[in-house]
Amino acid sequence: MIKEEVDKLLSQLQGWKLAGEAIEKNYRFSDFKQAIEFINRVAVVADAQNHHPDILLWNWNNVKITLTTHAVKGLSENDFVLAAKIDQINPK
């Protein structure tokens, strides 16, 4: 994707940032259980999209999601679609 396309799509997302050839966002939860529940919900959505992010759980309540499209060795529209869907996930 060209930079203008990336900038336009990124501007439509809350809290996501460009990280090299990927986009990423950090989420913070009140406890470990909520963080894990969020990760499990992300896994369901990502698998349904057949687009799988890198997921990092750190400091027991922080989750970092990183999206890139390995087939194109960079960003694709699928990354931004999945980012928007992930933002709609609410842990219980």
Protein backbone atom coordinates (compact mmCIF):
# COMPACT_ATOMS: atom_id res chain seq x y z
CA MET A 1 0.00 0.00 0.00
CA ILE A 2 1.14 3.51 -0.64
CA LYS A 3 1.65 5.88 2.28
CA GLU A 4 -1.40 7.99 1.45
CA GLU A 5 -3.66 4.93 1.58
CA VAL A 6 -2.12 3.80 4.87
CA ASP A 7 -2.52 7.28 6.38
CA LYS A 8 -6.15 7.50 5.27
CA LEU A 9 -7.09 4.09 6.67
CA LEU A 10 -5.10 4.64 9.86
CA SER A 11 -6.92 7.92 10.47
CA GLN A 12 -10.19 5.97 10.62
CA LEU A 13 -8.94 3.87 13.56
CA GLN A 14 -8.59 4.91 17.21
CA GLY A 15 -5.21 4.34 18.85
CA TRP A 16 -3.58 2.27 16.12
CA LYS A 17 -0.13 3.34 14.97
CA LEU A 18 2.22 2.51 12.16
CA ALA A 19 5.10 0.28 13.20
CA GLY A 20 7.33 -0.36 10.21
CA GLU A 21 5.38 -2.55 7.79
CA ALA A 22 2.63 -3.21 10.36
CA ILE A 23 0.04 -1.47 12.50
CA GLU A 24 -0.24 -2.04 16.22
CA LYS A 25 -2.24 -1.09 19.26
CA ASN A 26 -1.89 -1.65 22.99
CA TYR A 27 -4.86 -2.50 25.16
CA ARG A 28 -4.86 -2.37 28.97
CA PHE A 29 -7.26 -4.33 31.17
CA SER A 30 -8.11 -4.24 34.84
CA ASP A 31 -6.98 -7.82 35.40
CA PHE A 32 -5.36 -10.86 33.83
CA LYS A 33 -8.68 -12.62 33.22
CA GLN A 34 -10.04 -9.73 31.12
CA ALA A 35 -6.84 -9.65 29.07
CA ILE A 36 -7.08 -13.37 28.33
CA GLU A 37 -10.79 -13.11 27.49
CA PHE A 38 -9.97 -10.32 25.04
CA ILE A 39 -7.23 -12.42 23.42
CA ASN A 40 -9.65 -15.34 23.04
CA ARG A 41 -12.25 -13.09 21.39
CA VAL A 42 -9.60 -11.65 19.06
CA ALA A 43 -8.66 -15.22 18.10
CA VAL A 44 -12.26 -16.03 17.11
CA VAL A 45 -12.64 -12.87 14.99
CA ALA A 46 -9.21 -13.26 13.40
CA ASP A 47 -9.79 -16.90 12.55
CA ALA A 48 -13.15 -16.07 10.95
CA GLN A 49 -11.32 -13.50 8.80
CA ASN A 50 -8.48 -15.96 8.10
CA HIS A 51 -6.13 -13.15 9.05
CA HIS A 52 -4.05 -13.78 12.14
CA PRO A 53 -2.35 -11.03 14.19
CA ASP A 54 0.67 -11.26 16.42
CA ILE A 55 -0.60 -11.06 20.01
CA LEU A 56 1.61 -10.21 22.97
CA LEU A 57 0.43 -10.40 26.59
CA TRP A 58 2.73 -8.48 28.91
CA ASN A 59 2.67 -7.33 32.54
CA TRP A 60 -0.38 -9.55 33.16
CA ASN A 61 -2.95 -7.00 31.93
CA ASN A 62 -1.55 -5.49 28.72
CA VAL A 63 -2.12 -6.85 25.24
CA LYS A 64 -0.38 -5.64 22.09
CA ILE A 65 -1.91 -6.55 18.74
CA THR A 66 0.26 -6.27 15.63
CA LEU A 67 -1.22 -6.65 12.15
CA THR A 68 0.56 -7.13 8.85
CA THR A 69 -0.04 -9.22 5.75
CA HIS A 70 2.80 -11.67 5.33
CA ALA A 71 1.75 -12.58 1.77
CA VAL A 72 2.43 -9.02 0.59
CA LYS A 73 5.22 -8.35 3.09
CA GLY A 74 3.47 -5.26 4.36
CA LEU A 75 0.05 -3.78 4.95
CA SER A 76 -3.14 -4.63 3.12
CA GLU A 77 -6.73 -3.50 3.52
CA ASN A 78 -7.38 -6.72 5.50
CA ASP A 79 -5.17 -5.39 8.31
CA PHE A 80 -7.33 -2.30 8.71
CA VAL A 81 -10.60 -4.25 8.49
CA LEU A 82 -9.44 -6.63 11.21
CA ALA A 83 -8.18 -3.73 13.36
CA ALA A 84 -11.66 -2.16 13.24
CA LYS A 85 -13.27 -5.48 14.15
CA ILE A 86 -10.86 -5.98 17.05
CA ASP A 87 -11.76 -2.53 18.38
CA GLN A 88 -15.39 -3.64 18.56
CA ILE A 89 -14.56 -6.51 20.92
CA ASN A 90 -15.55 -5.85 24.53
CA PRO A 91 -14.23 -8.19 27.21
CA LYS A 92 -16.74 -9.19 29.85
